[in-house]
Amino acid sequence: MKTIYLTVIIIVSLSLLACGTPPSQFGVYRQSDGMIGVHSPKSATQEEAQVAAMEECKKLGKRTATVLESRQTVNDRFPVTYLYRCGN
């Protein structure tokens, strides 16, 4: 009985660990004017930042993300911020 109980606990624990999503390397946020902001890490390219913005636009029911602005920041972890507008 203890073996079955222990086996069930191990299976449930491993399945929960397998379903965990690793945290994104990008800081993605929505602005009040509808634009999507993406804080990009040092190692990322603009194309990778656009993929992160596209994922956020898809949550809003939009199909495209167009970059409007990129700016340098003083943050060591996220040195570049991109602003995107979602469109159909």
N, C-alpha and C. Protein backbone atom coordinates (compact mmCIF):
# COMPACT_ATOMS: atom_id res chain seq x y z
N MET A 1 0.82 -1.19 0.00
CA MET A 1 0.00 0.00 0.00
C MET A 1 0.87 1.26 0.00
N LYS A 2 1.93 1.24 0.82
CA LYS A 2 2.81 2.40 0.86
C LYS A 2 3.53 2.59 -0.47
N THR A 3 3.86 1.49 -1.13
CA THR A 3 4.56 1.58 -2.41
C THR A 3 3.67 2.23 -3.47
N ILE A 4 2.41 1.86 -3.50
CA ILE A 4 1.49 2.46 -4.46
C ILE A 4 1.30 3.94 -4.17
N TYR A 5 1.14 4.29 -2.91
CA TYR A 5 0.98 5.69 -2.50
C TYR A 5 2.21 6.50 -2.88
N LEU A 6 3.39 5.97 -2.62
CA LEU A 6 4.64 6.66 -2.96
C LEU A 6 4.78 6.80 -4.48
N THR A 7 4.40 5.79 -5.22
CA THR A 7 4.49 5.84 -6.68
C THR A 7 3.56 6.90 -7.24
N VAL A 8 2.35 6.99 -6.71
CA VAL A 8 1.40 8.00 -7.17
C VAL A 8 1.93 9.40 -6.88
N ILE A 9 2.50 9.61 -5.72
CA ILE A 9 3.06 10.93 -5.38
C ILE A 9 4.21 11.28 -6.30
N ILE A 10 5.05 10.35 -6.61
CA ILE A 10 6.19 10.61 -7.50
C ILE A 10 5.70 10.94 -8.90
N ILE A 11 4.72 10.20 -9.40
CA ILE A 11 4.19 10.45 -10.74
C ILE A 11 3.54 11.83 -10.82
N VAL A 12 2.76 12.18 -9.83
CA VAL A 12 2.12 13.50 -9.81
C VAL A 12 3.17 14.60 -9.73
N SER A 13 4.18 14.42 -8.90
CA SER A 13 5.23 15.44 -8.76
C SER A 13 5.99 15.63 -10.06
N LEU A 14 6.35 14.54 -10.72
CA LEU A 14 7.09 14.65 -11.98
C LEU A 14 6.24 15.26 -13.08
N SER A 15 4.96 14.94 -13.11
CA SER A 15 4.11 15.53 -14.14
C SER A 15 3.93 17.04 -13.92
N LEU A 16 3.88 17.47 -12.67
CA LEU A 16 3.78 18.91 -12.39
C LEU A 16 5.07 19.63 -12.78
N LEU A 17 6.19 19.00 -12.55
CA LEU A 17 7.47 19.61 -12.95
C LEU A 17 7.59 19.68 -14.47
N ALA A 18 7.11 18.66 -15.16
CA ALA A 18 7.20 18.63 -16.62
C ALA A 18 6.30 19.68 -17.25
N CYS A 19 5.20 20.04 -16.61
CA CYS A 19 4.26 21.01 -17.16
C CYS A 19 4.65 22.44 -16.85
N GLY A 20 5.63 22.66 -16.03
CA GLY A 20 6.03 24.02 -15.68
C GLY A 20 6.64 24.74 -16.86
N THR A 21 6.28 25.99 -17.04
CA THR A 21 6.80 26.81 -18.13
C THR A 21 7.94 27.65 -17.60
N PRO A 22 9.09 27.62 -18.27
CA PRO A 22 10.20 28.45 -17.81
C PRO A 22 9.87 29.93 -18.00
N PRO A 23 10.37 30.79 -17.13
CA PRO A 23 10.07 32.22 -17.27
C PRO A 23 10.67 32.79 -18.55
N SER A 24 9.98 33.71 -19.14
CA SER A 24 10.43 34.34 -20.37
C SER A 24 11.65 35.22 -20.09
N GLN A 25 12.51 35.31 -21.07
CA GLN A 25 13.68 36.18 -20.94
C GLN A 25 13.31 37.63 -21.22
N PHE A 26 12.14 37.85 -21.77
CA PHE A 26 11.71 39.19 -22.15
C PHE A 26 10.71 39.72 -21.14
N GLY A 27 10.75 41.02 -20.91
CA GLY A 27 9.73 41.67 -20.11
C GLY A 27 8.70 42.26 -21.05
N VAL A 28 7.52 41.64 -21.16
CA VAL A 28 6.49 42.09 -22.08
C VAL A 28 5.37 42.74 -21.28
N TYR A 29 4.91 43.91 -21.74
CA TYR A 29 3.84 44.62 -21.03
C TYR A 29 2.95 45.34 -22.02
N ARG A 30 1.72 45.60 -21.60
CA ARG A 30 0.77 46.36 -22.41
C ARG A 30 0.68 47.78 -21.86
N GLN A 31 0.66 48.75 -22.76
CA GLN A 31 0.51 50.14 -22.35
C GLN A 31 -0.96 50.55 -22.47
N SER A 32 -1.32 51.63 -21.80
CA SER A 32 -2.70 52.09 -21.81
C SER A 32 -3.16 52.54 -23.20
N ASP A 33 -2.23 52.94 -24.07
CA ASP A 33 -2.60 53.36 -25.42
C ASP A 33 -2.70 52.20 -26.40
N GLY A 34 -2.56 50.96 -25.91
CA GLY A 34 -2.70 49.77 -26.74
C GLY A 34 -1.41 49.23 -27.30
N MET A 35 -0.31 49.92 -27.09
CA MET A 35 0.96 49.42 -27.60
C MET A 35 1.51 48.35 -26.67
N ILE A 36 2.39 47.52 -27.23
CA ILE A 36 3.05 46.45 -26.49
C ILE A 36 4.51 46.86 -26.32
N GLY A 37 5.00 46.81 -25.10
CA GLY A 37 6.40 47.10 -24.82
C GLY A 37 7.14 45.81 -24.54
N VAL A 38 8.35 45.71 -25.04
CA VAL A 38 9.18 44.52 -24.83
C VAL A 38 10.54 44.97 -24.33
N HIS A 39 10.87 44.58 -23.10
CA HIS A 39 12.22 44.80 -22.57
C HIS A 39 13.05 43.61 -23.02
N SER A 40 14.09 43.88 -23.78
CA SER A 40 14.89 42.83 -24.40
C SER A 40 16.20 42.62 -23.66
N PRO A 41 16.57 41.35 -23.37
CA PRO A 41 17.86 41.10 -22.73
C PRO A 41 19.02 41.35 -23.69
N LYS A 42 20.22 41.41 -23.15
CA LYS A 42 21.42 41.72 -23.94
C LYS A 42 21.62 40.78 -25.11
N SER A 43 21.39 39.51 -24.90
CA SER A 43 21.71 38.50 -25.92
C SER A 43 20.65 38.37 -27.00
N ALA A 44 19.54 39.08 -26.92
CA ALA A 44 18.43 38.91 -27.86
C ALA A 44 18.53 39.85 -29.05
N THR A 45 17.97 39.40 -30.15
CA THR A 45 17.90 40.23 -31.36
C THR A 45 16.52 40.88 -31.44
N GLN A 46 16.38 41.82 -32.37
CA GLN A 46 15.09 42.48 -32.55
C GLN A 46 14.03 41.48 -33.03
N GLU A 47 14.43 40.51 -33.83
CA GLU A 47 13.49 39.50 -34.31
C GLU A 47 12.94 38.67 -33.16
N GLU A 48 13.78 38.35 -32.18
CA GLU A 48 13.32 37.59 -31.02
C GLU A 48 12.35 38.43 -30.17
N ALA A 49 12.63 39.71 -30.07
CA ALA A 49 11.72 40.60 -29.34
C ALA A 49 10.38 40.70 -30.06
N GLN A 50 10.40 40.68 -31.39
CA GLN A 50 9.16 40.75 -32.15
C GLN A 50 8.33 39.48 -31.95
N VAL A 51 8.98 38.34 -31.81
CA VAL A 51 8.25 37.10 -31.54
C VAL A 51 7.52 37.21 -30.19
N ALA A 52 8.19 37.77 -29.19
CA ALA A 52 7.56 37.96 -27.88
C ALA A 52 6.36 38.91 -27.98
N ALA A 53 6.50 39.97 -28.80
CA ALA A 53 5.40 40.91 -28.99
C ALA A 53 4.25 40.24 -29.75
N MET A 54 4.56 39.39 -30.72
CA MET A 54 3.53 38.68 -31.48
C MET A 54 2.70 37.78 -30.57
N GLU A 55 3.35 37.13 -29.62
CA GLU A 55 2.63 36.27 -28.68
C GLU A 55 1.62 37.09 -27.87
N GLU A 56 2.04 38.28 -27.46
CA GLU A 56 1.13 39.15 -26.70
C GLU A 56 0.00 39.67 -27.59
N CYS A 57 0.31 39.98 -28.84
CA CYS A 57 -0.72 40.45 -29.77
C CYS A 57 -1.74 39.35 -30.05
N LYS A 58 -1.29 38.11 -30.13
CA LYS A 58 -2.21 37.00 -30.36
C LYS A 58 -3.19 36.86 -29.20
N LYS A 59 -2.76 37.18 -27.99
CA LYS A 59 -3.66 37.15 -26.84
C LYS A 59 -4.77 38.19 -26.99
N LEU A 60 -4.47 39.27 -27.72
CA LEU A 60 -5.45 40.33 -27.95
C LEU A 60 -6.28 40.08 -29.20
N GLY A 61 -6.03 38.97 -29.89
CA GLY A 61 -6.77 38.67 -31.11
C GLY A 61 -6.22 39.33 -32.36
N LYS A 62 -5.00 39.83 -32.30
CA LYS A 62 -4.37 40.49 -33.44
C LYS A 62 -3.37 39.54 -34.08
N ARG A 63 -3.02 39.82 -35.34
CA ARG A 63 -2.14 38.90 -36.07
C ARG A 63 -0.73 39.44 -36.32
N THR A 64 -0.53 40.74 -36.25
CA THR A 64 0.78 41.30 -36.57
C THR A 64 1.27 42.22 -35.44
N ALA A 65 2.57 42.39 -35.41
CA ALA A 65 3.20 43.32 -34.48
C ALA A 65 4.22 44.14 -35.27
N THR A 66 4.01 45.44 -35.31
CA THR A 66 4.89 46.34 -36.05
C THR A 66 5.69 47.17 -35.05
N VAL A 67 7.01 47.18 -35.24
CA VAL A 67 7.87 47.94 -34.34
C VAL A 67 7.71 49.43 -34.64
N LEU A 68 7.48 50.21 -33.60
CA LEU A 68 7.34 51.65 -33.76
C LEU A 68 8.57 52.39 -33.26
N GLU A 69 9.20 51.85 -32.23
CA GLU A 69 10.31 52.57 -31.61
C GLU A 69 11.20 51.57 -30.87
N SER A 70 12.48 51.84 -30.87
CA SER A 70 13.41 51.11 -30.00
C SER A 70 14.25 52.14 -29.28
N ARG A 71 14.46 51.91 -28.01
CA ARG A 71 15.27 52.87 -27.24
C ARG A 71 16.21 52.15 -26.29
N GLN A 72 17.34 52.75 -26.12
CA GLN A 72 18.33 52.24 -25.18
C GLN A 72 17.90 52.61 -23.76
N THR A 73 18.14 51.73 -22.81
CA THR A 73 17.84 52.01 -21.41
C THR A 73 19.13 51.93 -20.59
N VAL A 74 19.05 52.32 -19.36
CA VAL A 74 20.22 52.25 -18.48
C VAL A 74 20.20 50.95 -17.66
N ASN A 75 19.20 50.11 -17.89
CA ASN A 75 19.06 48.85 -17.18
C ASN A 75 20.05 47.83 -17.74
N ASP A 76 20.89 47.25 -16.89
CA ASP A 76 21.87 46.27 -17.35
C ASP A 76 21.23 44.97 -17.83
N ARG A 77 20.14 44.58 -17.22
CA ARG A 77 19.50 43.32 -17.58
C ARG A 77 18.71 43.44 -18.88
N PHE A 78 18.03 44.57 -19.09
CA PHE A 78 17.24 44.82 -20.29
C PHE A 78 17.71 46.13 -20.92
N PRO A 79 18.81 46.10 -21.71
CA PRO A 79 19.37 47.35 -22.23
C PRO A 79 18.58 48.00 -23.36
N VAL A 80 17.63 47.27 -23.97
CA VAL A 80 16.85 47.83 -25.09
C VAL A 80 15.37 47.58 -24.83
N THR A 81 14.56 48.59 -25.10
CA THR A 81 13.11 48.45 -25.03
C THR A 81 12.53 48.73 -26.40
N TYR A 82 11.65 47.84 -26.88
CA TYR A 82 10.97 48.00 -28.16
C TYR A 82 9.50 48.26 -27.90
N LEU A 83 8.91 49.15 -28.71
CA LEU A 83 7.47 49.40 -28.65
C LEU A 83 6.84 48.92 -29.95
N TYR A 84 5.78 48.13 -29.82
CA TYR A 84 5.09 47.54 -30.96
C TYR A 84 3.62 47.94 -30.96
N ARG A 85 3.04 48.01 -32.17
CA ARG A 85 1.60 48.21 -32.31
C ARG A 85 1.04 46.95 -32.95
N CYS A 86 -0.01 46.41 -32.35
CA CYS A 86 -0.67 45.20 -32.86
C CYS A 86 -1.65 45.59 -33.95
N GLY A 87 -1.74 44.75 -34.98
CA GLY A 87 -2.67 45.00 -36.07
C GLY A 87 -3.27 43.70 -36.57
N ASN A 88 -4.26 43.84 -37.45
CA ASN A 88 -4.92 42.66 -38.01
C ASN A 88 -4.19 42.23 -39.20
